[in-house]
Amino acid sequence: MLGVIWALSALLAFTEGQSSTTVAPLSSAVYTVIAPAKLRPNIPFHVSASVHNLPAPLDLKITIEGPADNGQYN
């Protein structure tokens, strides 16, 4: 479970789809992420992410990062 929390904390990067790059104010934007409780090597998994209450279109870049079981950082 700790790996998923760590992954979710670094999961979303926002890039607004207009000429300048801005991030929506934290008080108005709401995001939802659905992911498996455990990630295992060599097994496919699916992640769903959505963002609500934004004034403009948004592109999401989803990455999974965090410490590995052997102490290395992924």
PDB file of N, CA and C in Angstrom:
ATOM      1  N   MET A   1       0.819  -1.194   0.000  1.00  0.00           N
ATOM      2  CA  MET A   1       0.000   0.000   0.000  1.00  0.00           C
ATOM      3  C   MET A   1       0.866   1.263   0.000  1.00  0.00           C
ATOM      4  N   LEU A   2       1.987   1.213   0.701  1.00  0.00           N
ATOM      5  CA  LEU A   2       2.874   2.376   0.739  1.00  0.00           C
ATOM      6  C   LEU A   2       3.372   2.738  -0.651  1.00  0.00           C
ATOM      7  N   GLY A   3       3.657   1.720  -1.489  1.00  0.00           N
ATOM      8  CA  GLY A   3       4.111   1.983  -2.849  1.00  0.00           C
ATOM      9  C   GLY A   3       3.071   2.710  -3.673  1.00  0.00           C
ATOM     10  N   VAL A   4       1.793   2.366  -3.480  1.00  0.00           N
ATOM     11  CA  VAL A   4       0.725   3.035  -4.223  1.00  0.00           C
ATOM     12  C   VAL A   4       0.576   4.472  -3.763  1.00  0.00           C
ATOM     13  N   ILE A   5       0.624   4.709  -2.456  1.00  0.00           N
ATOM     14  CA  ILE A   5       0.527   6.088  -1.951  1.00  0.00           C
ATOM     15  C   ILE A   5       1.682   6.915  -2.485  1.00  0.00           C
ATOM     16  N   TRP A   6       2.887   6.364  -2.484  1.00  0.00           N
ATOM     17  CA  TRP A   6       4.065   7.049  -3.000  1.00  0.00           C
ATOM     18  C   TRP A   6       3.899   7.315  -4.483  1.00  0.00           C
ATOM     19  N   ALA A   7       3.359   6.331  -5.212  1.00  0.00           N
ATOM     20  CA  ALA A   7       3.157   6.504  -6.647  1.00  0.00           C
ATOM     21  C   ALA A   7       2.111   7.573  -6.918  1.00  0.00           C
ATOM     22  N   LEU A   8       1.040   7.579  -6.141  1.00  0.00           N
ATOM     23  CA  LEU A   8      -0.017   8.560  -6.364  1.00  0.00           C
ATOM     24  C   LEU A   8       0.443   9.971  -6.030  1.00  0.00           C
ATOM     25  N   SER A   9       1.356  10.104  -5.092  1.00  0.00           N
ATOM     26  CA  SER A   9       1.821  11.441  -4.745  1.00  0.00           C
ATOM     27  C   SER A   9       2.622  12.074  -5.882  1.00  0.00           C
ATOM     28  N   ALA A  10       3.189  11.250  -6.760  1.00  0.00           N
ATOM     29  CA  ALA A  10       3.976  11.772  -7.877  1.00  0.00           C
ATOM     30  C   ALA A  10       3.323  11.451  -9.209  1.00  0.00           C
ATOM     31  N   LEU A  11       2.020  11.205  -9.189  1.00  0.00           N
ATOM     32  CA  LEU A  11       1.369  10.646 -10.362  1.00  0.00           C
ATOM     33  C   LEU A  11       0.968  11.670 -11.407  1.00  0.00           C
ATOM     34  N   LEU A  12       0.518  12.836 -11.018  1.00  0.00           N
ATOM     35  CA  LEU A  12      -0.069  13.761 -11.980  1.00  0.00           C
ATOM     36  C   LEU A  12       0.825  14.970 -12.231  1.00  0.00           C
ATOM     37  N   ALA A  13       0.980  15.300 -13.485  1.00  0.00           N
ATOM     38  CA  ALA A  13       1.635  16.544 -13.881  1.00  0.00           C
ATOM     39  C   ALA A  13       0.665  17.250 -14.824  1.00  0.00           C
ATOM     40  N   PHE A  14       0.359  18.494 -14.542  1.00  0.00           N
ATOM     41  CA  PHE A  14      -0.637  19.210 -15.321  1.00  0.00           C
ATOM     42  C   PHE A  14       0.018  20.140 -16.335  1.00  0.00           C
ATOM     43  N   THR A  15      -0.455  20.086 -17.566  1.00  0.00           N
ATOM     44  CA  THR A  15      -0.046  21.026 -18.595  1.00  0.00           C
ATOM     45  C   THR A  15      -1.302  21.516 -19.277  1.00  0.00           C
ATOM     46  N   GLU A  16      -1.618  22.770 -19.124  1.00  0.00           N
ATOM     47  CA  GLU A  16      -2.830  23.316 -19.718  1.00  0.00           C
ATOM     48  C   GLU A  16      -2.675  23.364 -21.223  1.00  0.00           C
ATOM     49  N   GLY A  17      -3.764  23.068 -21.951  1.00  0.00           N
ATOM     50  CA  GLY A  17      -3.710  22.944 -23.396  1.00  0.00           C
ATOM     51  C   GLY A  17      -3.751  24.256 -24.155  1.00  0.00           C
ATOM     52  N   GLN A  18      -3.255  25.352 -23.604  1.00  0.00           N
ATOM     53  CA  GLN A  18      -3.212  26.620 -24.321  1.00  0.00           C
ATOM     54  C   GLN A  18      -1.757  27.026 -24.517  1.00  0.00           C
ATOM     55  N   SER A  19      -1.537  28.260 -24.960  1.00  0.00           N
ATOM     56  CA  SER A  19      -0.186  28.687 -25.311  1.00  0.00           C
ATOM     57  C   SER A  19       0.740  28.803 -24.101  1.00  0.00           C
ATOM     58  N   SER A  20       0.207  29.082 -22.929  1.00  0.00           N
ATOM     59  CA  SER A  20       1.055  29.166 -21.745  1.00  0.00           C
ATOM     60  C   SER A  20       0.769  27.977 -20.831  1.00  0.00           C
ATOM     61  N   THR A  21       1.726  27.661 -19.983  1.00  0.00           N
ATOM     62  CA  THR A  21       1.559  26.542 -19.057  1.00  0.00           C
ATOM     63  C   THR A  21       1.247  27.096 -17.679  1.00  0.00           C
ATOM     64  N   THR A  22       0.103  26.709 -17.141  1.00  0.00           N
ATOM     65  CA  THR A  22      -0.287  27.127 -15.803  1.00  0.00           C
ATOM     66  C   THR A  22      -0.890  25.943 -15.071  1.00  0.00           C
ATOM     67  N   VAL A  23      -0.966  26.055 -13.767  1.00  0.00           N
ATOM     68  CA  VAL A  23      -1.602  25.032 -12.941  1.00  0.00           C
ATOM     69  C   VAL A  23      -2.827  25.664 -12.308  1.00  0.00           C
ATOM     70  N   ALA A  24      -3.934  24.954 -12.324  1.00  0.00           N
ATOM     71  CA  ALA A  24      -5.168  25.467 -11.740  1.00  0.00           C
ATOM     72  C   ALA A  24      -4.977  25.661 -10.237  1.00  0.00           C
ATOM     73  N   PRO A  25      -5.666  26.639  -9.653  1.00  0.00           N
ATOM     74  CA  PRO A  25      -5.569  26.829  -8.200  1.00  0.00           C
ATOM     75  C   PRO A  25      -5.979  25.556  -7.473  1.00  0.00           C
ATOM     76  N   LEU A  26      -5.267  25.229  -6.408  1.00  0.00           N
ATOM     77  CA  LEU A  26      -5.541  23.994  -5.686  1.00  0.00           C
ATOM     78  C   LEU A  26      -6.940  23.958  -5.096  1.00  0.00           C
ATOM     79  N   SER A  27      -7.521  25.111  -4.802  1.00  0.00           N
ATOM     80  CA  SER A  27      -8.833  25.133  -4.169  1.00  0.00           C
ATOM     81  C   SER A  27      -9.959  24.770  -5.127  1.00  0.00           C
ATOM     82  N   SER A  28      -9.762  24.897  -6.440  1.00  0.00           N
ATOM     83  CA  SER A  28     -10.859  24.637  -7.369  1.00  0.00           C
ATOM     84  C   SER A  28     -10.742  23.305  -8.095  1.00  0.00           C
ATOM     85  N   ALA A  29      -9.550  22.813  -8.341  1.00  0.00           N
ATOM     86  CA  ALA A  29      -9.371  21.578  -9.102  1.00  0.00           C
ATOM     87  C   ALA A  29      -9.497  20.364  -8.184  1.00  0.00           C
ATOM     88  N   VAL A  30     -10.149  19.328  -8.719  1.00  0.00           N
ATOM     89  CA  VAL A  30     -10.288  18.065  -7.992  1.00  0.00           C
ATOM     90  C   VAL A  30      -9.848  16.958  -8.930  1.00  0.00           C
ATOM     91  N   TYR A  31      -8.974  16.076  -8.465  1.00  0.00           N
ATOM     92  CA  TYR A  31      -8.575  14.960  -9.311  1.00  0.00           C
ATOM     93  C   TYR A  31      -8.879  13.638  -8.615  1.00  0.00           C
ATOM     94  N   THR A  32      -9.148  12.613  -9.432  1.00  0.00           N
ATOM     95  CA  THR A  32      -9.446  11.275  -8.948  1.00  0.00           C
ATOM     96  C   THR A  32      -8.510  10.304  -9.648  1.00  0.00           C
ATOM     97  N   VAL A  33      -7.879   9.432  -8.877  1.00  0.00           N
ATOM     98  CA  VAL A  33      -6.986   8.420  -9.432  1.00  0.00           C
ATOM     99  C   VAL A  33      -7.434   7.063  -8.911  1.00  0.00           C
ATOM    100  N   ILE A  34      -7.608   6.118  -9.828  1.00  0.00           N
ATOM    101  CA  ILE A  34      -7.948   4.745  -9.463  1.00  0.00           C
ATOM    102  C   ILE A  34      -6.805   3.865  -9.942  1.00  0.00           C
ATOM    103  N   ALA A  35      -6.206   3.126  -9.014  1.00  0.00           N
ATOM    104  CA  ALA A  35      -5.055   2.280  -9.331  1.00  0.00           C
ATOM    105  C   ALA A  35      -5.088   1.044  -8.442  1.00  0.00           C
ATOM    106  N   PRO A  36      -4.381  -0.011  -8.837  1.00  0.00           N
ATOM    107  CA  PRO A  36      -4.350  -1.214  -8.000  1.00  0.00           C
ATOM    108  C   PRO A  36      -3.634  -0.963  -6.671  1.00  0.00           C
ATOM    109  N   ALA A  37      -3.968  -1.756  -5.662  1.00  0.00           N
ATOM    110  CA  ALA A  37      -3.352  -1.608  -4.343  1.00  0.00           C
ATOM    111  C   ALA A  37      -1.887  -2.024  -4.355  1.00  0.00           C
ATOM    112  N   LYS A  38      -1.536  -2.999  -5.191  1.00  0.00           N
ATOM    113  CA  LYS A  38      -0.146  -3.455  -5.291  1.00  0.00           C
ATOM    114  C   LYS A  38       0.270  -3.502  -6.747  1.00  0.00           C
ATOM    115  N   LEU A  39       1.497  -3.107  -7.008  1.00  0.00           N
ATOM    116  CA  LEU A  39       2.074  -3.209  -8.343  1.00  0.00           C
ATOM    117  C   LEU A  39       3.132  -4.301  -8.301  1.00  0.00           C
ATOM    118  N   ARG A  40       3.020  -5.253  -9.198  1.00  0.00           N
ATOM    119  CA  ARG A  40       3.972  -6.362  -9.240  1.00  0.00           C
ATOM    120  C   ARG A  40       4.703  -6.324 -10.583  1.00  0.00           C
ATOM    121  N   PRO A  41       5.972  -6.706 -10.601  1.00  0.00           N
ATOM    122  CA  PRO A  41       6.730  -6.673 -11.857  1.00  0.00           C
ATOM    123  C   PRO A  41       6.182  -7.657 -12.882  1.00  0.00           C
ATOM    124  N   ASN A  42       6.272  -7.257 -14.147  1.00  0.00           N
ATOM    125  CA  ASN A  42       5.885  -8.088 -15.293  1.00  0.00           C
ATOM    126  C   ASN A  42       4.413  -8.475 -15.317  1.00  0.00           C
ATOM    127  N   ILE A  43       3.567  -7.718 -14.654  1.00  0.00           N
ATOM    128  CA  ILE A  43       2.124  -7.950 -14.694  1.00  0.00           C
ATOM    129  C   ILE A  43       1.472  -6.634 -15.122  1.00  0.00           C
ATOM    130  N   PRO A  44       0.662  -6.644 -16.188  1.00  0.00           N
ATOM    131  CA  PRO A  44       0.011  -5.407 -16.630  1.00  0.00           C
ATOM    132  C   PRO A  44      -0.972  -4.889 -15.574  1.00  0.00           C
ATOM    133  N   PHE A  45      -1.104  -3.592 -15.496  1.00  0.00           N
ATOM    134  CA  PHE A  45      -2.086  -2.990 -14.607  1.00  0.00           C
ATOM    135  C   PHE A  45      -2.660  -1.764 -15.297  1.00  0.00           C
ATOM    136  N   HIS A  46      -3.792  -1.304 -14.819  1.00  0.00           N
ATOM    137  CA  HIS A  46      -4.485  -0.167 -15.421  1.00  0.00           C
ATOM    138  C   HIS A  46      -4.658   0.929 -14.377  1.00  0.00           C
ATOM    139  N   VAL A  47      -4.534   2.160 -14.826  1.00  0.00           N
ATOM    140  CA  VAL A  47      -4.722   3.327 -13.976  1.00  0.00           C
ATOM    141  C   VAL A  47      -5.707   4.248 -14.664  1.00  0.00           C
ATOM    142  N   SER A  48      -6.627   4.794 -13.903  1.00  0.00           N
ATOM    143  CA  SER A  48      -7.589   5.753 -14.434  1.00  0.00           C
ATOM    144  C   SER A  48      -7.429   7.057 -13.664  1.00  0.00           C
ATOM    145  N   ALA A  49      -7.359   8.173 -14.376  1.00  0.00           N
ATOM    146  CA  ALA A  49      -7.231   9.482 -13.738  1.00  0.00           C
ATOM    147  C   ALA A  49      -8.192  10.453 -14.399  1.00  0.00           C
ATOM    148  N   SER A  50      -8.843  11.271 -13.595  1.00  0.00           N
ATOM    149  CA  SER A  50      -9.729  12.302 -14.138  1.00  0.00           C
ATOM    150  C   SER A  50      -9.592  13.566 -13.294  1.00  0.00           C
ATOM    151  N   VAL A  51      -9.841  14.707 -13.932  1.00  0.00           N
ATOM    152  CA  VAL A  51      -9.744  15.998 -13.262  1.00  0.00           C
ATOM    153  C   VAL A  51     -11.052  16.741 -13.486  1.00  0.00           C
ATOM    154  N   HIS A  52     -11.558  17.379 -12.444  1.00  0.00           N
ATOM    155  CA  HIS A  52     -12.839  18.083 -12.499  1.00  0.00           C
ATOM    156  C   HIS A  52     -12.657  19.538 -12.064  1.00  0.00           C
ATOM    157  N   ASN A  53     -13.595  20.374 -12.445  1.00  0.00           N
ATOM    158  CA  ASN A  53     -13.636  21.795 -12.063  1.00  0.00           C
ATOM    159  C   ASN A  53     -12.449  22.590 -12.591  1.00  0.00           C
ATOM    160  N   LEU A  54     -12.103  22.362 -13.855  1.00  0.00           N
ATOM    161  CA  LEU A  54     -11.040  23.137 -14.485  1.00  0.00           C
ATOM    162  C   LEU A  54     -11.635  24.079 -15.528  1.00  0.00           C
ATOM    163  N   PRO A  55     -11.082  25.271 -15.676  1.00  0.00           N
ATOM    164  CA  PRO A  55     -11.622  26.221 -16.644  1.00  0.00           C
ATOM    165  C   PRO A  55     -11.199  25.947 -18.087  1.00  0.00           C
ATOM    166  N   ALA A  56     -10.204  25.089 -18.314  1.00  0.00           N
ATOM    167  CA  ALA A  56      -9.693  24.848 -19.668  1.00  0.00           C
ATOM    168  C   ALA A  56      -9.318  23.375 -19.813  1.00  0.00           C
ATOM    169  N   PRO A  57      -9.174  22.901 -21.064  1.00  0.00           N
ATOM    170  CA  PRO A  57      -8.739  21.514 -21.280  1.00  0.00           C
ATOM    171  C   PRO A  57      -7.369  21.253 -20.647  1.00  0.00           C
ATOM    172  N   LEU A  58      -7.101  19.993 -20.390  1.00  0.00           N
ATOM    173  CA  LEU A  58      -5.897  19.624 -19.667  1.00  0.00           C
ATOM    174  C   LEU A  58      -5.319  18.334 -20.225  1.00  0.00           C
ATOM    175  N   ASP A  59      -3.996  18.253 -20.349  1.00  0.00           N
ATOM    176  CA  ASP A  59      -3.302  17.014 -20.701  1.00  0.00           C
ATOM    177  C   ASP A  59      -2.697  16.447 -19.420  1.00  0.00           C
ATOM    178  N   LEU A  60      -2.838  15.145 -19.207  1.00  0.00           N
ATOM    179  CA  LEU A  60      -2.259  14.499 -18.035  1.00  0.00           C
ATOM    180  C   LEU A  60      -1.064  13.655 -18.450  1.00  0.00           C
ATOM    181  N   LYS A  61      -0.016  13.703 -17.671  1.00  0.00           N
ATOM    182  CA  LYS A  61       1.122  12.806 -17.854  1.00  0.00           C
ATOM    183  C   LYS A  61       1.201  11.969 -16.582  1.00  0.00           C
ATOM    184  N   ILE A  62       1.028  10.659 -16.733  1.00  0.00           N
ATOM    185  CA  ILE A  62       0.998   9.773 -15.575  1.00  0.00           C
ATOM    186  C   ILE A  62       2.283   8.962 -15.535  1.00  0.00           C
ATOM    187  N   THR A  63       2.965   9.005 -14.397  1.00  0.00           N
ATOM    188  CA  THR A  63       4.169   8.206 -14.196  1.00  0.00           C
ATOM    189  C   THR A  63       4.075   7.508 -12.847  1.00  0.00           C
ATOM    190  N   ILE A  64       4.770   6.402 -12.734  1.00  0.00           N
ATOM    191  CA  ILE A  64       4.846   5.675 -11.467  1.00  0.00           C
ATOM    192  C   ILE A  64       6.289   5.773 -11.001  1.00  0.00           C
ATOM    193  N   GLU A  65       6.488   6.327  -9.820  1.00  0.00           N
ATOM    194  CA  GLU A  65       7.820   6.501  -9.267  1.00  0.00           C
ATOM    195  C   GLU A  65       7.786   6.153  -7.791  1.00  0.00           C
ATOM    196  N   GLY A  66       8.930   5.822  -7.244  1.00  0.00           N
ATOM    197  CA  GLY A  66       9.003   5.565  -5.817  1.00  0.00           C
ATOM    198  C   GLY A  66      10.058   4.538  -5.486  1.00  0.00           C
ATOM    199  N   PRO A  67      10.201   4.254  -4.198  1.00  0.00           N
ATOM    200  CA  PRO A  67      11.230   3.309  -3.782  1.00  0.00           C
ATOM    201  C   PRO A  67      10.858   1.876  -4.146  1.00  0.00           C
ATOM    202  N   ALA A  68      11.843   1.110  -4.580  1.00  0.00           N
ATOM    203  CA  ALA A  68      11.646  -0.310  -4.866  1.00  0.00           C
ATOM    204  C   ALA A  68      11.834  -1.105  -3.578  1.00  0.00           C
ATOM    205  N   ASP A  69      11.444  -2.358  -3.602  1.00  0.00           N
ATOM    206  CA  ASP A  69      11.591  -3.209  -2.421  1.00  0.00           C
ATOM    207  C   ASP A  69      13.047  -3.394  -2.008  1.00  0.00           C
ATOM    208  N   ASN A  70      13.967  -3.287  -2.969  1.00  0.00           N
ATOM    209  CA  ASN A  70      15.389  -3.478  -2.655  1.00  0.00           C
ATOM    210  C   ASN A  70      16.072  -2.190  -2.193  1.00  0.00           C
ATOM    211  N   GLY A  71      15.311  -1.114  -1.983  1.00  0.00           N
ATOM    212  CA  GLY A  71      15.870   0.138  -1.497  1.00  0.00           C
ATOM    213  C   GLY A  71      16.281   1.109  -2.583  1.00  0.00           C
ATOM    214  N   GLN A  72      16.326   0.673  -3.835  1.00  0.00           N
ATOM    215  CA  GLN A  72      16.649   1.562  -4.951  1.00  0.00           C
ATOM    216  C   GLN A  72      15.443   2.456  -5.247  1.00  0.00           C
ATOM    217  N   TYR A  73      15.684   3.584  -5.911  1.00  0.00           N
ATOM    218  CA  TYR A  73      14.600   4.479  -6.311  1.00  0.00           C
ATOM    219  C   TYR A  73      14.300   4.257  -7.779  1.00  0.00           C
ATOM    220  N   ASN A  74      13.035   4.055  -8.116  1.00  0.00           N
ATOM    221  CA  ASN A  74      12.621   3.844  -9.509  1.00  0.00           C
ATOM    222  C   ASN A  74      12.369   5.165 -10.177  1.00  0.00           C
TER     223      ASN A  74
END
